[in-house]
């Protein structure tokens, strides 16, 4: 499973709020909701977030194996 917990931590470090994302950068609120719920998003979105936050993919998301949840 892909988790986006690191996104919120990176946003906090970079001092960028969810409000900034949808107001200044055109990130849709429904997309932010999908990120909060760890739902599927497009690679294009990951690229945009990395560009906005000036970070690497690892700073936004991480893979958690299903086995480690057991």
PDB file of N, CA and C in Angstrom:
ATOM      1  N   UNK A   1       0.840  -1.181   0.000  1.00  0.00           N
ATOM      2  CA  UNK A   1       0.000   0.000   0.000  1.00  0.00           C
ATOM      3  C   UNK A   1       0.880   1.238   0.000  1.00  0.00           C
ATOM      4  N   UNK A   2       0.479   2.214  -0.758  1.00  0.00           N
ATOM      5  CA  UNK A   2       1.184   3.499  -0.802  1.00  0.00           C
ATOM      6  C   UNK A   2       0.541   4.437   0.216  1.00  0.00           C
ATOM      7  N   UNK A   3       1.375   5.036   1.038  1.00  0.00           N
ATOM      8  CA  UNK A   3       0.896   5.994   2.042  1.00  0.00           C
ATOM      9  C   UNK A   3       1.495   7.361   1.742  1.00  0.00           C
ATOM     10  N   UNK A   4       0.691   8.383   1.958  1.00  0.00           N
ATOM     11  CA  UNK A   4       1.123   9.757   1.678  1.00  0.00           C
ATOM     12  C   UNK A   4       1.375  10.564   2.947  1.00  0.00           C
ATOM     13  N   UNK A   5       1.637   9.893   4.035  1.00  0.00           N
ATOM     14  CA  UNK A   5       1.895  10.575   5.308  1.00  0.00           C
ATOM     15  C   UNK A   5       3.075  11.540   5.192  1.00  0.00           C
ATOM     16  N   UNK A   6       4.065  11.150   4.440  1.00  0.00           N
ATOM     17  CA  UNK A   6       5.257  11.997   4.288  1.00  0.00           C
ATOM     18  C   UNK A   6       4.941  13.311   3.585  1.00  0.00           C
ATOM     19  N   UNK A   7       3.905  13.314   2.748  1.00  0.00           N
ATOM     20  CA  UNK A   7       3.517  14.551   2.062  1.00  0.00           C
ATOM     21  C   UNK A   7       3.195  15.637   3.067  1.00  0.00           C
ATOM     22  N   UNK A   8       2.387  15.307   4.066  1.00  0.00           N
ATOM     23  CA  UNK A   8       1.954  16.312   5.047  1.00  0.00           C
ATOM     24  C   UNK A   8       3.140  16.805   5.877  1.00  0.00           C
ATOM     25  N   UNK A   9       4.084  15.908   6.174  1.00  0.00           N
ATOM     26  CA  UNK A   9       5.284  16.301   6.913  1.00  0.00           C
ATOM     27  C   UNK A   9       6.152  17.250   6.067  1.00  0.00           C
ATOM     28  N   UNK A  10       6.299  16.912   4.790  1.00  0.00           N
ATOM     29  CA  UNK A  10       7.094  17.754   3.887  1.00  0.00           C
ATOM     30  C   UNK A  10       6.447  19.117   3.694  1.00  0.00           C
ATOM     31  N   UNK A  11       5.121  19.127   3.546  1.00  0.00           N
ATOM     32  CA  UNK A  11       4.417  20.404   3.405  1.00  0.00           C
ATOM     33  C   UNK A  11       4.654  21.282   4.630  1.00  0.00           C
ATOM     34  N   UNK A  12       4.617  20.685   5.798  1.00  0.00           N
ATOM     35  CA  UNK A  12       4.834  21.446   7.029  1.00  0.00           C
ATOM     36  C   UNK A  12       6.253  22.020   7.061  1.00  0.00           C
ATOM     37  N   UNK A  13       7.239  21.201   6.681  1.00  0.00           N
ATOM     38  CA  UNK A  13       8.631  21.671   6.653  1.00  0.00           C
ATOM     39  C   UNK A  13       8.821  22.813   5.659  1.00  0.00           C
ATOM     40  N   UNK A  14       8.115  22.732   4.531  1.00  0.00           N
ATOM     41  CA  UNK A  14       8.253  23.740   3.476  1.00  0.00           C
ATOM     42  C   UNK A  14       7.306  24.924   3.682  1.00  0.00           C
ATOM     43  N   UNK A  15       6.518  24.860   4.748  1.00  0.00           N
ATOM     44  CA  UNK A  15       5.574  25.923   5.086  1.00  0.00           C
ATOM     45  C   UNK A  15       4.558  26.172   3.963  1.00  0.00           C
ATOM     46  N   UNK A  16       4.055  25.072   3.390  1.00  0.00           N
ATOM     47  CA  UNK A  16       3.020  25.142   2.358  1.00  0.00           C
ATOM     48  C   UNK A  16       1.795  24.409   2.890  1.00  0.00           C
ATOM     49  N   UNK A  17       0.676  25.100   2.915  1.00  0.00           N
ATOM     50  CA  UNK A  17      -0.553  24.521   3.454  1.00  0.00           C
ATOM     51  C   UNK A  17      -1.405  23.916   2.342  1.00  0.00           C
ATOM     52  N   UNK A  18      -2.414  23.169   2.736  1.00  0.00           N
ATOM     53  CA  UNK A  18      -3.373  22.641   1.767  1.00  0.00           C
ATOM     54  C   UNK A  18      -4.070  23.803   1.066  1.00  0.00           C
ATOM     55  N   UNK A  19      -4.352  24.844   1.803  1.00  0.00           N
ATOM     56  CA  UNK A  19      -4.961  26.047   1.217  1.00  0.00           C
ATOM     57  C   UNK A  19      -4.085  26.605   0.095  1.00  0.00           C
ATOM     58  N   UNK A  20      -2.770  26.666   0.338  1.00  0.00           N
ATOM     59  CA  UNK A  20      -1.838  27.139  -0.689  1.00  0.00           C
ATOM     60  C   UNK A  20      -1.902  26.257  -1.928  1.00  0.00           C
ATOM     61  N   UNK A  21      -1.978  24.939  -1.722  1.00  0.00           N
ATOM     62  CA  UNK A  21      -1.992  24.021  -2.858  1.00  0.00           C
ATOM     63  C   UNK A  21      -3.188  24.252  -3.764  1.00  0.00           C
ATOM     64  N   UNK A  22      -4.380  24.405  -3.176  1.00  0.00           N
ATOM     65  CA  UNK A  22      -5.533  24.569  -4.065  1.00  0.00           C
ATOM     66  C   UNK A  22      -5.771  26.014  -4.480  1.00  0.00           C
ATOM     67  N   UNK A  23      -5.240  26.975  -3.755  1.00  0.00           N
ATOM     68  CA  UNK A  23      -5.451  28.369  -4.142  1.00  0.00           C
ATOM     69  C   UNK A  23      -4.381  28.864  -5.109  1.00  0.00           C
ATOM     70  N   UNK A  24      -3.125  28.603  -4.800  1.00  0.00           N
ATOM     71  CA  UNK A  24      -2.022  29.157  -5.583  1.00  0.00           C
ATOM     72  C   UNK A  24      -1.472  28.201  -6.640  1.00  0.00           C
ATOM     73  N   UNK A  25      -1.647  26.895  -6.427  1.00  0.00           N
ATOM     74  CA  UNK A  25      -1.032  25.934  -7.339  1.00  0.00           C
ATOM     75  C   UNK A  25      -2.047  25.108  -8.133  1.00  0.00           C
ATOM     76  N   UNK A  26      -3.329  25.331  -7.933  1.00  0.00           N
ATOM     77  CA  UNK A  26      -4.354  24.658  -8.726  1.00  0.00           C
ATOM     78  C   UNK A  26      -4.562  23.190  -8.424  1.00  0.00           C
ATOM     79  N   UNK A  27      -4.159  22.753  -7.243  1.00  0.00           N
ATOM     80  CA  UNK A  27      -4.406  21.362  -6.843  1.00  0.00           C
ATOM     81  C   UNK A  27      -5.851  21.281  -6.354  1.00  0.00           C
ATOM     82  N   UNK A  28      -6.613  20.379  -6.936  1.00  0.00           N
ATOM     83  CA  UNK A  28      -8.031  20.232  -6.641  1.00  0.00           C
ATOM     84  C   UNK A  28      -8.248  19.721  -5.213  1.00  0.00           C
ATOM     85  N   UNK A  29      -9.288  20.201  -4.563  1.00  0.00           N
ATOM     86  CA  UNK A  29      -9.599  19.758  -3.199  1.00  0.00           C
ATOM     87  C   UNK A  29      -9.928  18.275  -3.140  1.00  0.00           C
ATOM     88  N   UNK A  30     -10.567  17.756  -4.173  1.00  0.00           N
ATOM     89  CA  UNK A  30     -10.880  16.317  -4.181  1.00  0.00           C
ATOM     90  C   UNK A  30      -9.596  15.489  -4.271  1.00  0.00           C
ATOM     91  N   UNK A  31      -8.584  16.023  -4.945  1.00  0.00           N
ATOM     92  CA  UNK A  31      -7.294  15.343  -4.998  1.00  0.00           C
ATOM     93  C   UNK A  31      -6.659  15.307  -3.613  1.00  0.00           C
ATOM     94  N   UNK A  32      -6.739  16.404  -2.901  1.00  0.00           N
ATOM     95  CA  UNK A  32      -6.210  16.431  -1.533  1.00  0.00           C
ATOM     96  C   UNK A  32      -6.939  15.416  -0.655  1.00  0.00           C
ATOM     97  N   UNK A  33      -8.233  15.261  -0.869  1.00  0.00           N
ATOM     98  CA  UNK A  33      -9.003  14.276  -0.122  1.00  0.00           C
ATOM     99  C   UNK A  33      -8.521  12.862  -0.449  1.00  0.00           C
ATOM    100  N   UNK A  34      -8.241  12.586  -1.719  1.00  0.00           N
ATOM    101  CA  UNK A  34      -7.728  11.265  -2.103  1.00  0.00           C
ATOM    102  C   UNK A  34      -6.366  11.013  -1.467  1.00  0.00           C
ATOM    103  N   UNK A  35      -5.542  12.033  -1.379  1.00  0.00           N
ATOM    104  CA  UNK A  35      -4.239  11.892  -0.729  1.00  0.00           C
ATOM    105  C   UNK A  35      -4.400  11.601   0.765  1.00  0.00           C
ATOM    106  N   UNK A  36      -5.331  12.287   1.406  1.00  0.00           N
ATOM    107  CA  UNK A  36      -5.584  12.050   2.830  1.00  0.00           C
ATOM    108  C   UNK A  36      -6.043  10.618   3.080  1.00  0.00           C
ATOM    109  N   UNK A  37      -6.784  10.056   2.126  1.00  0.00           N
ATOM    110  CA  UNK A  37      -7.319   8.692   2.258  1.00  0.00           C
ATOM    111  C   UNK A  37      -6.401   7.637   1.652  1.00  0.00           C
ATOM    112  N   UNK A  38      -5.204   8.040   1.227  1.00  0.00           N
ATOM    113  CA  UNK A  38      -4.244   7.134   0.594  1.00  0.00           C
ATOM    114  C   UNK A  38      -4.845   6.404  -0.600  1.00  0.00           C
ATOM    115  N   UNK A  39      -5.666   7.097  -1.371  1.00  0.00           N
ATOM    116  CA  UNK A  39      -6.280   6.523  -2.561  1.00  0.00           C
ATOM    117  C   UNK A  39      -5.344   6.681  -3.761  1.00  0.00           C
ATOM    118  N   UNK A  40      -5.749   6.095  -4.884  1.00  0.00           N
ATOM    119  CA  UNK A  40      -4.941   6.176  -6.102  1.00  0.00           C
ATOM    120  C   UNK A  40      -4.896   7.607  -6.633  1.00  0.00           C
ATOM    121  N   UNK A  41      -3.697   7.991  -7.078  1.00  0.00           N
ATOM    122  CA  UNK A  41      -3.526   9.261  -7.772  1.00  0.00           C
ATOM    123  C   UNK A  41      -2.623   9.010  -8.970  1.00  0.00           C
ATOM    124  N   UNK A  42      -2.592   9.944  -9.907  1.00  0.00           N
ATOM    125  CA  UNK A  42      -1.786   9.795 -11.105  1.00  0.00           C
ATOM    126  C   UNK A  42      -0.335  10.192 -10.844  1.00  0.00           C
ATOM    127  N   UNK A  43       0.548   9.625 -11.637  1.00  0.00           N
ATOM    128  CA  UNK A  43       1.968   9.961 -11.551  1.00  0.00           C
ATOM    129  C   UNK A  43       2.177  11.444 -11.845  1.00  0.00           C
ATOM    130  N   UNK A  44       1.367  11.998 -12.732  1.00  0.00           N
ATOM    131  CA  UNK A  44       1.432  13.428 -13.046  1.00  0.00           C
ATOM    132  C   UNK A  44       1.268  14.264 -11.772  1.00  0.00           C
ATOM    133  N   UNK A  45       0.370  13.839 -10.906  1.00  0.00           N
ATOM    134  CA  UNK A  45       0.129  14.561  -9.653  1.00  0.00           C
ATOM    135  C   UNK A  45       1.343  14.497  -8.751  1.00  0.00           C
ATOM    136  N   UNK A  46       1.968  13.339  -8.672  1.00  0.00           N
ATOM    137  CA  UNK A  46       3.176  13.194  -7.862  1.00  0.00           C
ATOM    138  C   UNK A  46       4.270  14.115  -8.399  1.00  0.00           C
ATOM    139  N   UNK A  47       4.389  14.163  -9.716  1.00  0.00           N
ATOM    140  CA  UNK A  47       5.364  15.049 -10.347  1.00  0.00           C
ATOM    141  C   UNK A  47       5.081  16.509 -10.001  1.00  0.00           C
ATOM    142  N   UNK A  48       3.825  16.903 -10.082  1.00  0.00           N
ATOM    143  CA  UNK A  48       3.457  18.296  -9.749  1.00  0.00           C
ATOM    144  C   UNK A  48       3.772  18.621  -8.300  1.00  0.00           C
ATOM    145  N   UNK A  49       3.443  17.699  -7.394  1.00  0.00           N
ATOM    146  CA  UNK A  49       3.715  17.939  -5.974  1.00  0.00           C
ATOM    147  C   UNK A  49       5.215  18.054  -5.713  1.00  0.00           C
ATOM    148  N   UNK A  50       6.011  17.195  -6.354  1.00  0.00           N
ATOM    149  CA  UNK A  50       7.464  17.277  -6.204  1.00  0.00           C
ATOM    150  C   UNK A  50       7.992  18.611  -6.721  1.00  0.00           C
ATOM    151  N   UNK A  51       7.424  19.084  -7.818  1.00  0.00           N
ATOM    152  CA  UNK A  51       7.837  20.371  -8.375  1.00  0.00           C
ATOM    153  C   UNK A  51       7.460  21.511  -7.444  1.00  0.00           C
ATOM    154  N   UNK A  52       6.239  21.498  -6.953  1.00  0.00           N
ATOM    155  CA  UNK A  52       5.763  22.554  -6.057  1.00  0.00           C
ATOM    156  C   UNK A  52       6.583  22.591  -4.771  1.00  0.00           C
ATOM    157  N   UNK A  53       6.811  21.415  -4.190  1.00  0.00           N
ATOM    158  CA  UNK A  53       7.498  21.331  -2.898  1.00  0.00           C
ATOM    159  C   UNK A  53       9.018  21.272  -3.028  1.00  0.00           C
ATOM    160  N   UNK A  54       9.510  21.174  -4.284  1.00  0.00           N
ATOM    161  CA  UNK A  54      10.954  21.061  -4.525  1.00  0.00           C
ATOM    162  C   UNK A  54      11.538  19.933  -3.666  1.00  0.00           C
ATOM    163  N   UNK A  55      10.983  18.743  -3.891  1.00  0.00           N
ATOM    164  CA  UNK A  55      11.396  17.590  -3.101  1.00  0.00           C
ATOM    165  C   UNK A  55      11.455  16.347  -3.977  1.00  0.00           C
ATOM    166  N   UNK A  56      11.813  15.232  -3.378  1.00  0.00           N
ATOM    167  CA  UNK A  56      11.877  13.949  -4.077  1.00  0.00           C
ATOM    168  C   UNK A  56      10.614  13.151  -3.796  1.00  0.00           C
ATOM    169  N   UNK A  57      10.387  12.127  -4.600  1.00  0.00           N
ATOM    170  CA  UNK A  57       9.212  11.272  -4.440  1.00  0.00           C
ATOM    171  C   UNK A  57       9.170  10.675  -3.027  1.00  0.00           C
ATOM    172  N   UNK A  58      10.308  10.295  -2.505  1.00  0.00           N
ATOM    173  CA  UNK A  58      10.378   9.693  -1.168  1.00  0.00           C
ATOM    174  C   UNK A  58       9.914  10.648  -0.078  1.00  0.00           C
ATOM    175  N   UNK A  59       9.926  11.945  -0.370  1.00  0.00           N
ATOM    176  CA  UNK A  59       9.473  12.935   0.599  1.00  0.00           C
ATOM    177  C   UNK A  59       7.952  13.071   0.607  1.00  0.00           C
ATOM    178  N   UNK A  60       7.284  12.427  -0.351  1.00  0.00           N
ATOM    179  CA  UNK A  60       5.838  12.546  -0.494  1.00  0.00           C
ATOM    180  C   UNK A  60       5.116  11.250  -0.137  1.00  0.00           C
ATOM    181  N   UNK A  61       5.717  10.133  -0.502  1.00  0.00           N
ATOM    182  CA  UNK A  61       5.019   8.866  -0.332  1.00  0.00           C
ATOM    183  C   UNK A  61       5.980   7.761   0.063  1.00  0.00           C
ATOM    184  N   UNK A  62       5.411   6.681   0.595  1.00  0.00           N
ATOM    185  CA  UNK A  62       6.201   5.505   0.933  1.00  0.00           C
ATOM    186  C   UNK A  62       5.366   4.254   0.712  1.00  0.00           C
ATOM    187  N   UNK A  63       6.050   3.167   0.449  1.00  0.00           N
ATOM    188  CA  UNK A  63       5.390   1.883   0.254  1.00  0.00           C
ATOM    189  C   UNK A  63       5.422   1.106   1.548  1.00  0.00           C
ATOM    190  N   UNK A  64       4.255   0.634   1.975  1.00  0.00           N
ATOM    191  CA  UNK A  64       4.134  -0.223   3.151  1.00  0.00           C
ATOM    192  C   UNK A  64       3.601  -1.557   2.654  1.00  0.00           C
ATOM    193  N   UNK A  65       4.360  -2.622   2.839  1.00  0.00           N
ATOM    194  CA  UNK A  65       3.919  -3.919   2.346  1.00  0.00           C
ATOM    195  C   UNK A  65       2.730  -4.411   3.149  1.00  0.00           C
ATOM    196  N   UNK A  66       1.903  -5.191   2.503  1.00  0.00           N
ATOM    197  CA  UNK A  66       0.723  -5.756   3.156  1.00  0.00           C
ATOM    198  C   UNK A  66       1.142  -6.689   4.285  1.00  0.00           C
ATOM    199  N   UNK A  67       2.291  -7.335   4.130  1.00  0.00           N
ATOM    200  CA  UNK A  67       2.790  -8.258   5.150  1.00  0.00           C
ATOM    201  C   UNK A  67       3.110  -7.545   6.457  1.00  0.00           C
ATOM    202  N   UNK A  68       3.624  -6.340   6.361  1.00  0.00           N
ATOM    203  CA  UNK A  68       4.004  -5.605   7.565  1.00  0.00           C
ATOM    204  C   UNK A  68       2.793  -5.121   8.356  1.00  0.00           C
ATOM    205  N   UNK A  69       1.611  -5.136   7.719  1.00  0.00           N
ATOM    206  CA  UNK A  69       0.391  -4.732   8.409  1.00  0.00           C
ATOM    207  C   UNK A  69      -0.153  -5.848   9.294  1.00  0.00           C
ATOM    208  N   UNK A  70       0.287  -7.088   9.047  1.00  0.00           N
ATOM    209  CA  UNK A  70      -0.231  -8.240   9.798  1.00  0.00           C
ATOM    210  C   UNK A  70       0.420  -8.393  11.142  1.00  0.00           C
TER     211      UNK A  70
END
